[in-house]
Amino acid sequence: MPPESEIRRIALAMLYELRFIINESEKDSYTKEEIMALLDPIAITKK
């Protein structure tokens, strides 16, 4: 298991990626399903 500092770094990187994706989009709101669809590829690449 990675140290707590590494887990935090990975979590912050994932949040930043999601923020970047949303910021680049022209949409003003997202459904739960759309957010999950955005998170899935990010989580898969972080495995």
N, C-alpha and C. Protein backbone atom coordinates (compact mmCIF):
# COMPACT_ATOMS: atom_id res chain seq x y z
N MET A 1 0.85 -1.18 0.00
CA MET A 1 0.00 0.00 0.00
C MET A 1 0.89 1.24 0.00
N PRO A 2 0.57 2.21 -0.88
CA PRO A 2 1.40 3.42 -0.94
C PRO A 2 1.22 4.26 0.33
N PRO A 3 2.21 5.07 0.65
CA PRO A 3 2.10 5.93 1.83
C PRO A 3 0.96 6.95 1.66
N GLU A 4 0.50 7.46 2.77
CA GLU A 4 -0.62 8.42 2.79
C GLU A 4 -0.32 9.64 1.91
N SER A 5 0.91 10.10 1.91
CA SER A 5 1.27 11.28 1.10
C SER A 5 1.10 10.99 -0.40
N GLU A 6 1.42 9.77 -0.81
CA GLU A 6 1.27 9.39 -2.22
C GLU A 6 -0.21 9.28 -2.59
N ILE A 7 -1.01 8.72 -1.71
CA ILE A 7 -2.45 8.61 -1.95
C ILE A 7 -3.05 10.01 -2.09
N ARG A 8 -2.66 10.92 -1.23
CA ARG A 8 -3.16 12.30 -1.31
C ARG A 8 -2.75 12.96 -2.62
N ARG A 9 -1.51 12.74 -3.04
CA ARG A 9 -1.01 13.33 -4.28
C ARG A 9 -1.80 12.82 -5.48
N ILE A 10 -2.09 11.52 -5.49
CA ILE A 10 -2.86 10.92 -6.58
C ILE A 10 -4.28 11.49 -6.59
N ALA A 11 -4.89 11.61 -5.42
CA ALA A 11 -6.25 12.15 -5.33
C ALA A 11 -6.30 13.58 -5.84
N LEU A 12 -5.33 14.39 -5.46
CA LEU A 12 -5.30 15.78 -5.93
C LEU A 12 -5.08 15.84 -7.44
N ALA A 13 -4.27 14.97 -7.97
CA ALA A 13 -4.05 14.94 -9.42
C ALA A 13 -5.34 14.58 -10.15
N MET A 14 -6.09 13.63 -9.60
CA MET A 14 -7.36 13.24 -10.22
C MET A 14 -8.34 14.41 -10.19
N LEU A 15 -8.41 15.11 -9.07
CA LEU A 15 -9.31 16.27 -8.98
C LEU A 15 -8.91 17.35 -9.98
N TYR A 16 -7.62 17.59 -10.12
CA TYR A 16 -7.16 18.60 -11.06
C TYR A 16 -7.52 18.21 -12.49
N GLU A 17 -7.36 16.93 -12.83
CA GLU A 17 -7.72 16.47 -14.18
C GLU A 17 -9.21 16.68 -14.44
N LEU A 18 -10.03 16.34 -13.45
CA LEU A 18 -11.47 16.53 -13.60
C LEU A 18 -11.81 18.01 -13.75
N ARG A 19 -11.17 18.85 -12.96
CA ARG A 19 -11.40 20.30 -13.06
C ARG A 19 -11.03 20.81 -14.45
N PHE A 20 -9.91 20.34 -14.97
CA PHE A 20 -9.47 20.75 -16.31
C PHE A 20 -10.48 20.32 -17.37
N ILE A 21 -10.96 19.09 -17.29
CA ILE A 21 -11.94 18.58 -18.26
C ILE A 21 -13.22 19.42 -18.21
N ILE A 22 -13.71 19.68 -17.02
CA ILE A 22 -14.95 20.46 -16.87
C ILE A 22 -14.74 21.90 -17.34
N ASN A 23 -13.60 22.47 -17.01
CA ASN A 23 -13.32 23.86 -17.40
C ASN A 23 -13.26 24.01 -18.91
N GLU A 24 -12.76 23.01 -19.61
CA GLU A 24 -12.64 23.06 -21.07
C GLU A 24 -13.97 22.80 -21.78
N SER A 25 -14.95 22.29 -21.06
CA SER A 25 -16.25 21.98 -21.64
C SER A 25 -17.11 23.23 -21.75
N GLU A 26 -18.04 23.19 -22.67
CA GLU A 26 -18.97 24.31 -22.83
C GLU A 26 -20.22 24.13 -21.98
N LYS A 27 -20.33 22.98 -21.31
CA LYS A 27 -21.50 22.70 -20.48
C LYS A 27 -21.44 23.48 -19.17
N ASP A 28 -22.63 23.87 -18.66
CA ASP A 28 -22.71 24.58 -17.39
C ASP A 28 -23.11 23.67 -16.23
N SER A 29 -23.68 22.52 -16.54
CA SER A 29 -24.08 21.59 -15.48
C SER A 29 -23.92 20.16 -15.97
N TYR A 30 -23.76 19.25 -15.01
CA TYR A 30 -23.54 17.84 -15.31
C TYR A 30 -24.45 16.98 -14.45
N THR A 31 -24.87 15.87 -15.01
CA THR A 31 -25.64 14.89 -14.24
C THR A 31 -24.65 14.00 -13.49
N LYS A 32 -25.16 13.24 -12.56
CA LYS A 32 -24.33 12.29 -11.82
C LYS A 32 -23.67 11.31 -12.79
N GLU A 33 -24.42 10.83 -13.75
CA GLU A 33 -23.90 9.87 -14.72
C GLU A 33 -22.78 10.48 -15.55
N GLU A 34 -22.92 11.74 -15.93
CA GLU A 34 -21.87 12.40 -16.72
C GLU A 34 -20.60 12.57 -15.90
N ILE A 35 -20.72 12.91 -14.64
CA ILE A 35 -19.56 13.05 -13.78
C ILE A 35 -18.87 11.69 -13.60
N MET A 36 -19.66 10.65 -13.40
CA MET A 36 -19.08 9.31 -13.27
C MET A 36 -18.35 8.92 -14.55
N ALA A 37 -18.91 9.27 -15.69
CA ALA A 37 -18.26 8.95 -16.97
C ALA A 37 -16.94 9.71 -17.13
N LEU A 38 -16.85 10.91 -16.57
CA LEU A 38 -15.60 11.67 -16.60
C LEU A 38 -14.57 11.08 -15.64
N LEU A 39 -15.02 10.60 -14.49
CA LEU A 39 -14.11 10.07 -13.48
C LEU A 39 -13.54 8.70 -13.86
N ASP A 40 -14.32 7.87 -14.53
CA ASP A 40 -13.88 6.52 -14.84
C ASP A 40 -12.55 6.46 -15.60
N PRO A 41 -12.39 7.19 -16.71
CA PRO A 41 -11.10 7.10 -17.42
C PRO A 41 -9.93 7.63 -16.58
N ILE A 42 -10.19 8.64 -15.76
CA ILE A 42 -9.13 9.18 -14.90
C ILE A 42 -8.70 8.11 -13.90
N ALA A 43 -9.66 7.47 -13.27
CA ALA A 43 -9.35 6.44 -12.28
C ALA A 43 -8.62 5.25 -12.93
N ILE A 44 -9.03 4.88 -14.11
CA ILE A 44 -8.39 3.74 -14.79
C ILE A 44 -6.93 4.03 -15.10
N THR A 45 -6.62 5.24 -15.52
CA THR A 45 -5.23 5.58 -15.85
C THR A 45 -4.37 5.68 -14.60
N LYS A 46 -4.96 5.88 -13.44
CA LYS A 46 -4.20 6.01 -12.19
C LYS A 46 -3.94 4.67 -11.51
N LYS A 47 -4.49 3.57 -12.05
CA LYS A 47 -4.29 2.25 -11.43
C LYS A 47 -2.85 1.81 -11.52
